[in-house]
Amino acid sequence: MQKTNVLRILDTKNIEYSIFEYDVDEESLDAVTVAEKIGADPDQVFKTLIARGDGNSIFVFVIPGQYELDLKKAAKASRNKKIEMIKMKEILPLTGYIRGGCSPIGMKKQYPTFIDESANVFPEIIFSAGKRGIQVKLSPITLATVSNAEFVDLI
C-alpha cells in the first residue's frame, strides 16, 4: 500500500494508527457503505465535510457517517451567522482531496476544524486516510490534537 499524506503526517509525529483498505465503488462512497466493507460499527466511521461560512471562510466538520450536519449547530460552533456546504467541484482545490477521500488531516491549508462530540463515546474512530479505499483508526483526542480541532455538538 502506498502511504497517503495523512499516514506520513501520523508517522512523522510517531502516532500509532490502524488502517483499513477496501474496494472502492464510485457509486457508494458514503461512510455507512465503507463501514460495511471494513466490518466496523457505522457510528464509529466518521466523514469529513467542508463548508463555507460568513465572509467566504472555510470550515471542516467531522461527523458520524450516517448523520447529516446540522447547519445551525455548525454555524454556532464556528461563530458564523450561516454555514453552507461547498460545491463538489471546490473540494479538490480547497483541500487537495477528492470526494470520498477527504480527511481532516493534511489538507492544503489548516482550516478551523470541529469534530462531533459523539466521537468521544469511542476509544477510537475511523475516518478517511486521504484516499478512497483507505481508512485510518485513531483516538478522537489524537485526531483533535493533530487537526487542531475542537469537540462540539454538530448533529
C-alpha atoms as a PDB file:
ATOM      1  CA  MET A   1       0.000   0.000   0.000  1.00  0.00           C
ATOM      2  CA  GLN A   2       1.214   3.474  -0.862  1.00  0.00           C
ATOM      3  CA  LYS A   3       1.347   5.865   2.114  1.00  0.00           C
ATOM      4  CA  THR A   4      -1.012   8.821   1.971  1.00  0.00           C
ATOM      5  CA  ASN A   5      -0.155  12.301   3.291  1.00  0.00           C
ATOM      6  CA  VAL A   6      -2.308  11.524   6.334  1.00  0.00           C
ATOM      7  CA  LEU A   7      -0.279   8.415   7.173  1.00  0.00           C
ATOM      8  CA  ARG A   8       3.028  10.220   6.562  1.00  0.00           C
ATOM      9  CA  ILE A   9       1.959  13.020   8.929  1.00  0.00           C
ATOM     10  CA  LEU A  10       0.987  10.488  11.619  1.00  0.00           C
ATOM     11  CA  ASP A  11       4.299   8.630  11.106  1.00  0.00           C
ATOM     12  CA  THR A  12       6.269  11.899  11.431  1.00  0.00           C
ATOM     13  CA  LYS A  13       4.531  12.569  14.752  1.00  0.00           C
ATOM     14  CA  ASN A  14       5.146   8.961  15.913  1.00  0.00           C
ATOM     15  CA  ILE A  15       1.402   8.367  16.298  1.00  0.00           C
ATOM     16  CA  GLU A  16       0.191   4.782  16.213  1.00  0.00           C
ATOM     17  CA  TYR A  17      -2.800   4.038  13.997  1.00  0.00           C
ATOM     18  CA  SER A  18      -4.583   1.187  12.270  1.00  0.00           C
ATOM     19  CA  ILE A  19      -5.564   1.197   8.623  1.00  0.00           C
ATOM     20  CA  PHE A  20      -8.388  -0.464   6.738  1.00  0.00           C
ATOM     21  CA  GLU A  21      -8.312  -0.951   2.986  1.00  0.00           C
ATOM     22  CA  TYR A  22     -11.412  -1.660   0.925  1.00  0.00           C
ATOM     23  CA  ASP A  23     -12.541  -1.855  -2.680  1.00  0.00           C
ATOM     24  CA  VAL A  24     -13.901   1.450  -3.940  1.00  0.00           C
ATOM     25  CA  ASP A  25     -17.239   1.667  -5.707  1.00  0.00           C
ATOM     26  CA  GLU A  26     -17.680   5.138  -7.271  1.00  0.00           C
ATOM     27  CA  GLU A  27     -21.447   4.864  -6.730  1.00  0.00           C
ATOM     28  CA  SER A  28     -21.167   4.129  -2.989  1.00  0.00           C
ATOM     29  CA  LEU A  29     -18.648   6.408  -1.305  1.00  0.00           C
ATOM     30  CA  ASP A  30     -20.755   7.005   1.804  1.00  0.00           C
ATOM     31  CA  ALA A  31     -19.447   6.185   5.274  1.00  0.00           C
ATOM     32  CA  VAL A  32     -22.151   3.595   6.006  1.00  0.00           C
ATOM     33  CA  THR A  33     -21.099   1.552   2.955  1.00  0.00           C
ATOM     34  CA  VAL A  34     -17.445   1.953   3.978  1.00  0.00           C
ATOM     35  CA  ALA A  35     -18.318   0.718   7.495  1.00  0.00           C
ATOM     36  CA  GLU A  36     -19.926  -2.400   5.993  1.00  0.00           C
ATOM     37  CA  LYS A  37     -16.916  -3.048   3.762  1.00  0.00           C
ATOM     38  CA  ILE A  38     -14.419  -2.850   6.630  1.00  0.00           C
ATOM     39  CA  GLY A  39     -16.675  -4.571   9.182  1.00  0.00           C
ATOM     40  CA  ALA A  40     -16.922  -1.564  11.506  1.00  0.00           C
ATOM     41  CA  ASP A  41     -19.732  -0.054  13.580  1.00  0.00           C
ATOM     42  CA  PRO A  42     -21.291   2.653  11.341  1.00  0.00           C
ATOM     43  CA  ASP A  43     -21.426   5.015  14.354  1.00  0.00           C
ATOM     44  CA  GLN A  44     -17.642   4.753  14.599  1.00  0.00           C
ATOM     45  CA  VAL A  45     -16.954   5.687  10.943  1.00  0.00           C
ATOM     46  CA  PHE A  46     -16.815   9.460  10.511  1.00  0.00           C
ATOM     47  CA  LYS A  47     -16.986  11.607   7.386  1.00  0.00           C
ATOM     48  CA  THR A  48     -15.235  14.898   6.724  1.00  0.00           C
ATOM     49  CA  LEU A  49     -17.382  17.732   5.392  1.00  0.00           C
ATOM     50  CA  ILE A  50     -16.245  21.118   4.106  1.00  0.00           C
ATOM     51  CA  ALA A  51     -18.461  24.176   4.484  1.00  0.00           C
ATOM     52  CA  ARG A  52     -18.329  27.900   3.900  1.00  0.00           C
ATOM     53  CA  GLY A  53     -19.256  30.491   6.496  1.00  0.00           C
ATOM     54  CA  ASP A  54     -19.641  34.263   6.562  1.00  0.00           C
ATOM     55  CA  GLY A  55     -17.036  36.179   4.614  1.00  0.00           C
ATOM     56  CA  ASN A  56     -16.221  33.146   2.464  1.00  0.00           C
ATOM     57  CA  SER A  57     -14.294  31.434   5.316  1.00  0.00           C
ATOM     58  CA  ILE A  58     -13.872  27.650   5.101  1.00  0.00           C
ATOM     59  CA  PHE A  59     -14.545  25.185   7.930  1.00  0.00           C
ATOM     60  CA  VAL A  60     -14.098  21.428   8.373  1.00  0.00           C
ATOM     61  CA  PHE A  61     -16.692  19.319  10.169  1.00  0.00           C
ATOM     62  CA  VAL A  62     -16.119  15.667  11.136  1.00  0.00           C
ATOM     63  CA  ILE A  63     -19.339  13.811  11.938  1.00  0.00           C
ATOM     64  CA  PRO A  64     -20.578  10.218  12.201  1.00  0.00           C
ATOM     65  CA  GLY A  65     -21.112   8.947   8.670  1.00  0.00           C
ATOM     66  CA  GLN A  66     -24.769   8.085   8.925  1.00  0.00           C
ATOM     67  CA  TYR A  67     -25.819  11.557  10.085  1.00  0.00           C
ATOM     68  CA  GLU A  68     -26.283  14.916   8.409  1.00  0.00           C
ATOM     69  CA  LEU A  69     -24.501  18.057   9.552  1.00  0.00           C
ATOM     70  CA  ASP A  70     -26.872  20.375  11.436  1.00  0.00           C
ATOM     71  CA  LEU A  71     -26.066  23.663   9.689  1.00  0.00           C
ATOM     72  CA  LYS A  72     -27.414  25.763  12.580  1.00  0.00           C
ATOM     73  CA  LYS A  73     -25.187  23.945  15.081  1.00  0.00           C
ATOM     74  CA  ALA A  74     -22.244  24.211  12.657  1.00  0.00           C
ATOM     75  CA  ALA A  75     -22.802  27.965  12.308  1.00  0.00           C
ATOM     76  CA  LYS A  76     -22.979  28.381  16.077  1.00  0.00           C
ATOM     77  CA  ALA A  77     -19.830  26.282  16.665  1.00  0.00           C
ATOM     78  CA  SER A  78     -17.869  28.247  14.061  1.00  0.00           C
ATOM     79  CA  ARG A  79     -19.294  31.590  15.243  1.00  0.00           C
ATOM     80  CA  ASN A  80     -20.945  32.326  11.906  1.00  0.00           C
ATOM     81  CA  LYS A  81     -24.439  33.551  11.076  1.00  0.00           C
ATOM     82  CA  LYS A  82     -24.774  30.959   8.338  1.00  0.00           C
ATOM     83  CA  ILE A  83     -22.908  27.876   7.089  1.00  0.00           C
ATOM     84  CA  GLU A  84     -23.443  26.154   3.753  1.00  0.00           C
ATOM     85  CA  MET A  85     -21.795  23.117   2.224  1.00  0.00           C
ATOM     86  CA  ILE A  86     -19.255  23.861  -0.515  1.00  0.00           C
ATOM     87  CA  LYS A  87     -19.885  22.696  -4.075  1.00  0.00           C
ATOM     88  CA  MET A  88     -18.461  19.317  -5.080  1.00  0.00           C
ATOM     89  CA  LYS A  89     -16.070  20.908  -7.617  1.00  0.00           C
ATOM     90  CA  GLU A  90     -14.495  23.007  -4.831  1.00  0.00           C
ATOM     91  CA  ILE A  91     -13.353  20.067  -2.689  1.00  0.00           C
ATOM     92  CA  LEU A  92     -10.102  19.340  -4.561  1.00  0.00           C
ATOM     93  CA  PRO A  93      -8.897  22.962  -4.991  1.00  0.00           C
ATOM     94  CA  LEU A  94      -9.658  23.820  -1.348  1.00  0.00           C
ATOM     95  CA  THR A  95      -8.454  20.649   0.379  1.00  0.00           C
ATOM     96  CA  GLY A  96      -6.216  18.726  -2.021  1.00  0.00           C
ATOM     97  CA  TYR A  97      -8.556  15.748  -1.578  1.00  0.00           C
ATOM     98  CA  ILE A  98     -11.334  14.272  -3.714  1.00  0.00           C
ATOM     99  CA  ARG A  99     -14.866  13.333  -2.677  1.00  0.00           C
ATOM    100  CA  GLY A 100     -14.751  10.095  -0.706  1.00  0.00           C
ATOM    101  CA  GLY A 101     -11.115  10.659   0.235  1.00  0.00           C
ATOM    102  CA  CYS A 102     -11.294  13.867   2.244  1.00  0.00           C
ATOM    103  CA  SER A 103      -9.512  13.747   5.606  1.00  0.00           C
ATOM    104  CA  PRO A 104      -9.325  16.339   8.392  1.00  0.00           C
ATOM    105  CA  ILE A 105      -5.550  15.742   8.482  1.00  0.00           C
ATOM    106  CA  GLY A 106      -3.166  17.050   5.835  1.00  0.00           C
ATOM    107  CA  MET A 107      -5.335  19.440   3.840  1.00  0.00           C
ATOM    108  CA  LYS A 108      -3.663  22.048   1.621  1.00  0.00           C
ATOM    109  CA  LYS A 109      -4.417  24.591   4.339  1.00  0.00           C
ATOM    110  CA  GLN A 110      -5.285  24.231   8.030  1.00  0.00           C
ATOM    111  CA  TYR A 111      -8.935  25.265   8.308  1.00  0.00           C
ATOM    112  CA  PRO A 112     -10.820  25.597  11.601  1.00  0.00           C
ATOM    113  CA  THR A 113     -11.938  22.037  12.364  1.00  0.00           C
ATOM    114  CA  PHE A 114     -14.781  20.718  14.509  1.00  0.00           C
ATOM    115  CA  ILE A 115     -15.438  17.094  15.482  1.00  0.00           C
ATOM    116  CA  ASP A 116     -18.870  15.983  16.646  1.00  0.00           C
ATOM    117  CA  GLU A 117     -18.773  15.322  20.383  1.00  0.00           C
ATOM    118  CA  SER A 118     -20.214  11.814  19.831  1.00  0.00           C
ATOM    119  CA  ALA A 119     -16.680  10.787  18.775  1.00  0.00           C
ATOM    120  CA  ASN A 120     -15.736  10.770  22.463  1.00  0.00           C
ATOM    121  CA  VAL A 121     -18.027   7.778  23.069  1.00  0.00           C
ATOM    122  CA  PHE A 122     -15.451   5.609  21.287  1.00  0.00           C
ATOM    123  CA  PRO A 123     -11.843   4.847  22.244  1.00  0.00           C
ATOM    124  CA  GLU A 124     -11.060   5.147  18.510  1.00  0.00           C
ATOM    125  CA  ILE A 125     -12.876   6.442  15.447  1.00  0.00           C
ATOM    126  CA  ILE A 126     -12.363   5.644  11.779  1.00  0.00           C
ATOM    127  CA  PHE A 127     -12.076   8.262   9.027  1.00  0.00           C
ATOM    128  CA  SER A 128     -10.537   8.722   5.590  1.00  0.00           C
ATOM    129  CA  ALA A 129      -6.780   8.381   5.327  1.00  0.00           C
ATOM    130  CA  GLY A 130      -6.830  10.887   2.463  1.00  0.00           C
ATOM    131  CA  LYS A 131      -7.515   8.481  -0.386  1.00  0.00           C
ATOM    132  CA  ARG A 132     -10.536   6.486  -1.462  1.00  0.00           C
ATOM    133  CA  GLY A 133     -10.158   2.884  -0.314  1.00  0.00           C
ATOM    134  CA  ILE A 134      -8.110   3.610   2.820  1.00  0.00           C
ATOM    135  CA  GLN A 135      -9.462   4.452   6.267  1.00  0.00           C
ATOM    136  CA  VAL A 136      -7.437   5.184   9.395  1.00  0.00           C
ATOM    137  CA  LYS A 137      -8.378   4.482  13.030  1.00  0.00           C
ATOM    138  CA  LEU A 138      -7.239   6.853  15.790  1.00  0.00           C
ATOM    139  CA  SER A 139      -8.413   8.017  19.175  1.00  0.00           C
ATOM    140  CA  PRO A 140     -10.690  11.071  18.873  1.00  0.00           C
ATOM    141  CA  ILE A 141      -8.375  13.020  21.189  1.00  0.00           C
ATOM    142  CA  THR A 142      -5.383  12.286  18.960  1.00  0.00           C
ATOM    143  CA  LEU A 143      -7.342  13.322  15.871  1.00  0.00           C
ATOM    144  CA  ALA A 144      -8.358  16.578  17.584  1.00  0.00           C
ATOM    145  CA  THR A 145      -4.742  17.262  18.548  1.00  0.00           C
ATOM    146  CA  VAL A 146      -3.325  16.551  15.076  1.00  0.00           C
ATOM    147  CA  SER A 147      -6.055  18.508  13.258  1.00  0.00           C
ATOM    148  CA  ASN A 148      -6.215  21.286  15.870  1.00  0.00           C
ATOM    149  CA  ALA A 149      -9.944  20.594  16.263  1.00  0.00           C
ATOM    150  CA  GLU A 150     -12.496  21.148  18.982  1.00  0.00           C
ATOM    151  CA  PHE A 151     -15.372  18.892  20.004  1.00  0.00           C
ATOM    152  CA  VAL A 152     -18.872  20.320  19.599  1.00  0.00           C
ATOM    153  CA  ASP A 153     -22.457  19.155  19.015  1.00  0.00           C
ATOM    154  CA  LEU A 154     -22.896  19.037  15.217  1.00  0.00           C
ATOM    155  CA  ILE A 155     -25.691  16.537  14.538  1.00  0.00           C
END
